[in-house]
Protein backbone atom coordinates (compact mmCIF):
# COMPACT_ATOMS: atom_id res chain seq x y z
CA MET A 1 0.58 -28.07 8.55
CA THR A 2 4.35 -27.89 8.84
CA LEU A 3 6.70 -25.14 7.78
CA GLU A 4 9.62 -26.17 5.57
CA LEU A 5 12.82 -24.29 4.74
CA VAL A 6 13.23 -24.22 0.95
CA SER A 7 16.21 -21.91 0.31
CA GLN A 8 19.70 -21.59 1.71
CA THR A 9 20.20 -18.01 0.54
CA HIS A 10 20.00 -15.33 3.24
CA SER A 11 18.54 -12.44 1.25
CA GLU A 12 18.98 -8.96 2.67
CA LEU A 13 15.48 -8.03 1.56
CA GLY A 14 13.83 -11.10 0.07
CA GLU A 15 10.59 -10.22 -1.70
CA GLY A 16 8.44 -10.68 -4.80
CA PRO A 17 7.79 -14.47 -4.77
CA VAL A 18 6.57 -15.88 -8.09
CA TRP A 19 5.62 -19.43 -9.15
CA HIS A 20 6.06 -19.92 -12.90
CA ASN A 21 6.30 -23.07 -15.02
CA GLY A 22 7.08 -25.27 -12.05
CA GLU A 23 9.84 -23.03 -10.72
CA PHE A 24 10.01 -20.61 -7.80
CA TYR A 25 11.45 -17.10 -8.19
CA TRP A 26 12.10 -14.32 -5.71
CA ILE A 27 14.15 -11.15 -5.50
CA ASP A 28 16.58 -9.58 -3.07
CA ILE A 29 15.72 -5.89 -3.35
CA THR A 30 18.77 -4.36 -1.70
CA GLY A 31 21.01 -7.29 -2.63
CA LYS A 32 20.13 -6.55 -6.29
CA LYS A 33 19.42 -10.15 -7.27
CA VAL A 34 16.76 -12.26 -8.96
CA ASN A 35 16.86 -15.81 -7.60
CA THR A 36 15.27 -19.10 -8.54
CA ILE A 37 14.80 -22.68 -7.41
CA ASN A 38 14.33 -24.86 -10.50
CA LYS A 39 12.32 -28.04 -10.96
CA LYS A 40 15.26 -30.10 -9.69
CA GLY A 41 15.41 -28.08 -6.49
CA GLU A 42 18.62 -26.33 -7.53
CA GLU A 43 19.03 -22.79 -6.23
CA SER A 44 20.73 -20.09 -8.31
CA VAL A 45 20.91 -16.39 -9.11
CA ILE A 46 19.35 -15.56 -12.49
CA THR A 47 20.83 -12.10 -12.65
CA ASN A 48 22.37 -9.31 -10.62
CA THR A 49 20.56 -6.04 -11.25
CA PRO A 50 22.17 -2.61 -11.72
CA SER A 51 20.10 -1.06 -8.92
CA PHE A 52 17.56 -2.03 -6.27
CA VAL A 53 14.97 -4.37 -7.79
CA GLY A 54 11.42 -3.86 -6.52
CA CYS A 55 9.82 -6.64 -8.55
CA ALA A 56 10.60 -9.19 -11.26
CA VAL A 57 7.82 -10.81 -13.24
CA PRO A 58 8.13 -13.43 -15.98
CA SER A 59 6.55 -12.78 -19.37
CA ASN A 60 4.80 -15.12 -21.77
CA ASP A 61 7.95 -15.24 -23.93
CA ASP A 62 10.04 -16.43 -20.94
CA SER A 63 11.88 -13.15 -20.45
CA PHE A 64 11.45 -10.92 -17.38
CA TYR A 65 10.22 -7.42 -16.67
CA LEU A 66 11.83 -5.67 -13.73
CA GLY A 67 10.85 -2.67 -11.65
CA LEU A 68 14.21 -1.10 -10.81
CA GLU A 69 14.97 2.10 -8.92
CA ASP A 70 14.47 4.46 -11.83
CA GLY A 71 12.11 2.65 -14.19
CA ILE A 72 10.82 -0.49 -15.86
CA TYR A 73 13.34 -2.78 -17.56
CA HIS A 74 13.31 -5.86 -19.77
CA TYR A 75 15.71 -8.70 -18.97
CA GLU A 76 16.54 -11.51 -21.37
CA ASN A 77 19.61 -13.68 -21.96
CA GLY A 78 21.86 -11.64 -19.73
CA HIS A 79 20.80 -8.27 -21.12
CA CYS A 80 18.86 -5.65 -19.16
CA GLN A 81 17.50 -2.60 -20.96
CA PRO A 82 14.74 -0.02 -20.43
CA ALA A 83 11.23 -1.07 -21.41
CA GLY A 84 9.47 1.99 -22.79
CA ASN A 85 10.20 5.59 -21.91
CA PHE A 86 8.80 5.82 -18.38
CA LYS A 87 11.31 7.04 -15.82
CA ILE A 88 11.09 7.85 -12.11
CA MET A 89 12.38 11.40 -12.01
CA ASP A 90 12.22 11.97 -8.25
CA PRO A 91 15.39 10.56 -6.59
CA ALA A 92 13.43 10.10 -3.35
CA LEU A 93 11.34 7.37 -5.00
CA ARG A 94 11.93 3.82 -6.20
CA PHE A 95 9.75 0.99 -7.44
CA ASN A 96 8.65 -1.56 -4.86
CA ASP A 97 6.17 -4.43 -5.09
CA GLY A 98 4.71 -5.40 -8.47
CA LYS A 99 2.49 -8.09 -9.91
CA CYS A 100 0.67 -8.92 -13.16
CA ASP A 101 -3.10 -9.12 -13.45
CA VAL A 102 -4.82 -11.93 -15.37
CA ARG A 103 -4.76 -9.79 -18.52
CA GLY A 104 -0.98 -9.68 -18.45
CA ARG A 105 -0.52 -6.07 -17.35
CA LEU A 106 2.14 -5.22 -14.80
CA TRP A 107 0.95 -3.28 -11.76
CA LEU A 108 3.81 -1.76 -9.77
CA GLY A 109 4.11 1.03 -7.27
CA THR A 110 6.67 3.49 -6.00
CA MET A 111 7.64 4.32 -2.44
CA ASP A 112 9.42 6.93 -0.35
CA LYS A 113 12.81 5.23 -0.26
CA GLU A 114 14.45 7.67 2.12
CA ASN A 115 12.22 7.73 5.20
CA GLU A 116 9.17 5.62 4.25
CA GLN A 117 6.98 8.38 5.67
CA ALA A 118 6.03 10.73 2.84
CA PRO A 119 2.97 9.95 0.64
CA ILE A 120 4.83 10.81 -2.57
CA GLY A 121 4.50 7.49 -4.37
CA SER A 122 2.02 6.16 -6.91
CA LEU A 123 0.65 2.92 -8.33
CA TYR A 124 1.01 2.37 -12.07
CA VAL A 125 -0.05 -0.12 -14.72
CA PHE A 126 2.38 -1.00 -17.54
CA ASP A 127 1.02 -2.84 -20.59
CA CYS A 128 2.24 -4.61 -23.73
CA LEU A 129 2.22 -1.32 -25.66
CA GLN A 130 4.71 -0.05 -23.06
CA SER A 131 2.28 2.64 -21.95
CA VAL A 132 2.02 3.55 -18.28
CA THR A 133 -1.21 4.52 -16.49
CA GLN A 134 -1.29 5.99 -13.00
CA VAL A 135 -4.15 4.45 -11.01
CA LEU A 136 -3.36 5.71 -7.49
CA ALA A 137 -1.41 8.63 -6.02
CA GLY A 138 -0.47 9.69 -2.49
CA VAL A 139 1.17 6.35 -1.66
CA THR A 140 3.94 6.04 0.93
CA VAL A 141 5.15 2.42 0.56
CA SER A 142 3.32 0.58 -2.23
CA ASN A 143 2.89 -3.08 -1.35
CA GLY A 144 0.75 -6.20 -1.37
CA LEU A 145 -1.51 -6.15 -4.42
CA CYS A 146 -3.93 -8.81 -5.68
CA TRP A 147 -7.33 -9.29 -7.32
CA ASN A 148 -10.30 -11.55 -6.74
CA ALA A 149 -11.06 -14.22 -9.33
CA GLU A 150 -14.05 -12.30 -10.68
CA GLU A 151 -11.95 -9.17 -11.41
CA THR A 152 -14.32 -7.03 -9.41
CA LYS A 153 -12.11 -6.31 -6.39
CA PHE A 154 -8.55 -5.07 -6.08
CA TYR A 155 -6.76 -5.47 -2.74
CA TYR A 156 -3.87 -3.21 -1.82
CA ILE A 157 -1.49 -2.30 1.00
CA ASP A 158 0.26 0.98 1.73
CA SER A 159 2.40 -0.46 4.52
CA PRO A 160 2.75 2.50 6.95
CA SER A 161 -1.03 2.76 7.19
CA ARG A 162 -1.16 -0.80 8.59
CA GLU A 163 -4.34 -1.21 6.52
CA ILE A 164 -5.41 -3.76 3.93
CA VAL A 165 -7.89 -2.04 1.64
CA SER A 166 -10.19 -3.05 -1.19
CA PHE A 167 -11.36 -1.13 -4.24
CA ASN A 168 -14.10 -1.79 -6.72
CA TYR A 169 -12.17 -2.62 -9.86
CA ASN A 170 -13.03 -2.02 -13.53
CA PRO A 171 -10.47 -3.98 -15.59
CA GLU A 172 -11.58 -2.44 -18.87
CA LYS A 173 -11.24 1.19 -17.79
CA LEU A 174 -8.45 0.55 -15.25
CA THR A 175 -10.33 2.43 -12.56
CA LEU A 176 -10.36 1.90 -8.81
CA SER A 177 -13.23 3.22 -6.69
CA ASN A 178 -14.99 2.85 -3.33
CA ARG A 179 -11.91 2.43 -1.15
CA ASN A 180 -12.71 0.32 1.89
CA VAL A 181 -10.54 -0.84 4.81
CA VAL A 182 -11.04 -4.59 5.15
CA PHE A 183 -8.49 -5.21 7.91
CA LYS A 184 -6.15 -3.15 10.11
CA ILE A 185 -3.08 -4.55 11.85
CA ALA A 186 -3.48 -3.85 15.57
CA SER A 187 0.10 -4.72 16.57
CA ASP A 188 3.39 -2.94 15.85
CA ALA A 189 3.83 -5.05 12.71
CA TYR A 190 3.34 -3.76 9.17
CA PRO A 191 1.46 -5.54 6.38
CA ASP A 192 3.79 -6.23 3.46
CA GLY A 193 3.27 -8.61 0.51
CA MET A 194 -0.03 -10.38 -0.07
CA THR A 195 -1.71 -13.11 -2.11
CA ILE A 196 -5.22 -14.55 -2.45
CA ASP A 197 -6.50 -18.12 -2.32
CA GLU A 198 -9.29 -19.92 -4.20
CA GLU A 199 -11.74 -19.13 -1.42
CA GLY A 200 -11.10 -15.40 -1.81
CA MET A 201 -9.22 -15.11 1.48
CA LEU A 202 -6.08 -12.96 1.75
CA TRP A 203 -2.67 -14.12 3.00
CA VAL A 204 -0.66 -11.17 4.30
CA ALA A 205 3.02 -11.17 5.34
CA LEU A 206 3.85 -9.15 8.45
CA TRP A 207 7.04 -7.10 8.57
CA ASP A 208 8.19 -7.04 12.21
CA GLY A 209 5.39 -9.52 12.84
CA TYR A 210 7.03 -12.98 12.63
CA ALA A 211 4.03 -14.32 10.72
CA VAL A 212 1.75 -14.63 7.74
CA ILE A 213 -1.92 -14.16 8.49
CA ARG A 214 -5.02 -15.30 6.62
CA ILE A 215 -7.91 -12.84 6.70
CA ASN A 216 -11.45 -12.72 5.37
CA PRO A 217 -11.78 -9.45 3.43
CA HIS A 218 -15.58 -9.67 3.49
CA ASN A 219 -16.04 -9.46 7.26
CA GLY A 220 -12.58 -8.63 8.64
CA ASP A 221 -12.09 -11.91 10.49
CA LEU A 222 -8.58 -13.16 11.26
CA LEU A 223 -8.74 -16.81 10.18
CA GLU A 224 -5.24 -18.12 10.74
CA THR A 225 -1.77 -17.08 11.88
CA VAL A 226 1.26 -18.93 10.50
CA ASP A 227 4.27 -18.33 12.73
CA ILE A 228 7.53 -17.79 10.81
CA PRO A 229 10.92 -17.99 12.60
CA CYS A 230 11.95 -14.59 11.24
CA LYS A 231 11.16 -11.08 12.37
CA LYS A 232 10.73 -9.57 8.92
CA VAL A 233 8.29 -11.61 6.83
CA THR A 234 7.86 -9.95 3.47
CA SER A 235 5.55 -11.74 1.03
CA ALA A 236 3.90 -14.97 -0.10
CA CYS A 237 2.64 -16.71 -3.24
CA PHE A 238 1.01 -20.01 -4.04
CA GLY A 239 2.97 -22.65 -5.90
CA GLY A 240 3.70 -26.35 -6.19
CA GLU A 241 2.30 -28.82 -8.70
CA HIS A 242 -1.22 -28.43 -7.33
CA LEU A 243 -0.90 -24.79 -6.19
CA ASP A 244 -1.47 -25.94 -2.63
CA GLU A 245 1.83 -24.70 -1.19
CA LEU A 246 2.42 -21.22 0.17
CA TYR A 247 5.93 -19.91 -0.57
CA ILE A 248 7.07 -17.24 1.90
CA THR A 249 9.93 -14.75 1.64
CA THR A 250 11.72 -13.02 4.49
CA ALA A 251 14.43 -10.40 5.07
CA SER A 252 17.58 -10.16 7.16
CA LEU A 253 18.04 -6.42 6.87
CA ASP A 254 19.37 -4.63 9.97
CA MET A 255 19.74 -7.81 12.00
CA SER A 256 21.61 -7.58 15.29
CA GLU A 257 23.96 -10.28 16.51
CA ASN A 258 21.29 -11.39 18.96
CA ASP A 259 18.68 -11.45 16.18
CA TRP A 260 20.86 -13.86 14.19
CA LYS A 261 21.18 -16.14 17.23
CA MET A 262 17.42 -16.23 17.69
CA TYR A 263 16.39 -16.29 14.02
CA PRO A 264 19.26 -17.92 12.04
CA ASN A 265 17.12 -18.53 8.94
CA SER A 266 16.22 -14.87 8.44
CA GLY A 267 16.31 -13.93 4.76
CA CYS A 268 15.51 -17.49 3.67
CA CYS A 269 12.36 -18.75 1.96
CA PHE A 270 9.85 -21.14 3.49
CA LYS A 271 7.04 -23.36 2.28
CA TYR A 272 3.76 -24.03 4.09
CA ARG A 273 0.82 -26.27 3.16
CA PRO A 274 -2.25 -24.26 4.18
CA GLY A 275 -4.97 -26.76 3.22
CA VAL A 276 -6.32 -24.48 0.50
CA LYS A 277 -5.21 -23.82 -3.06
CA GLY A 278 -4.28 -20.54 -4.67
CA PHE A 279 -3.51 -19.27 -8.15
CA SER A 280 -0.39 -19.46 -10.27
CA SER A 281 1.44 -16.16 -10.73
CA ASN A 282 0.27 -14.25 -13.79
CA THR A 283 2.79 -13.48 -16.54
CA PHE A 284 3.36 -10.23 -18.39
CA CYS A 285 1.75 -10.38 -21.85
CA VAL A 286 4.14 -8.99 -24.45
CA GLU A 287 1.53 -8.83 -27.24
């Protein structure tokens, strides 16, 4: 199981990996970019965003929906404009991680962008009618969200807590209940982005942890640790023709000169074959 470097770009804050139609996408939050590697292996910037970009998800009409600092935006053919009327009114907040469920709704959360210590954020769901539903409040740094294949469990990370939690999930009513801690990071690292494989196991990126870990959310077992030659590992998604490759994003934010000497590929993306398949990234359903 070897680790392969797949991008040459050193993102400041690489995040939000997505596999869509045979192509790999990721964002640079503070660098204000949406990047891609196409089917030919060519790397490029799709767009520069007007503010920090917390997430970028493709839609079923091949446009993109973006969670920017102050709201949700639609991007298509070089044009970026607000999607709906929802705005983040508190200047201390911005959107962070976001992902679509299998029904094509965009789940995205806000975070305390100043100190990453105050539980002033929320988790929202944005749908094709451009309505926004708040499903969680009291969040500090919204991160790492995914669902099991049966749509009965929702897994979530509020990074400063160092906890990966599960909720009972009702996809019809958009309700989350019975919060349960399924794993707690014991080191000084923070859980960041997350994905799920076909066996229902979670793959969690560790900020300040140099790794991605695979955990069993049913019994709390740590199943595997994938060492990454970067301090700040941010997220992961499954991709490749057979969805048997794990694409991993990292960050180079606040790197010292010594850090660069030790970890010269910080901010780049990696690929790992874990021996298990995952799921393709869901798209936003526009109708």
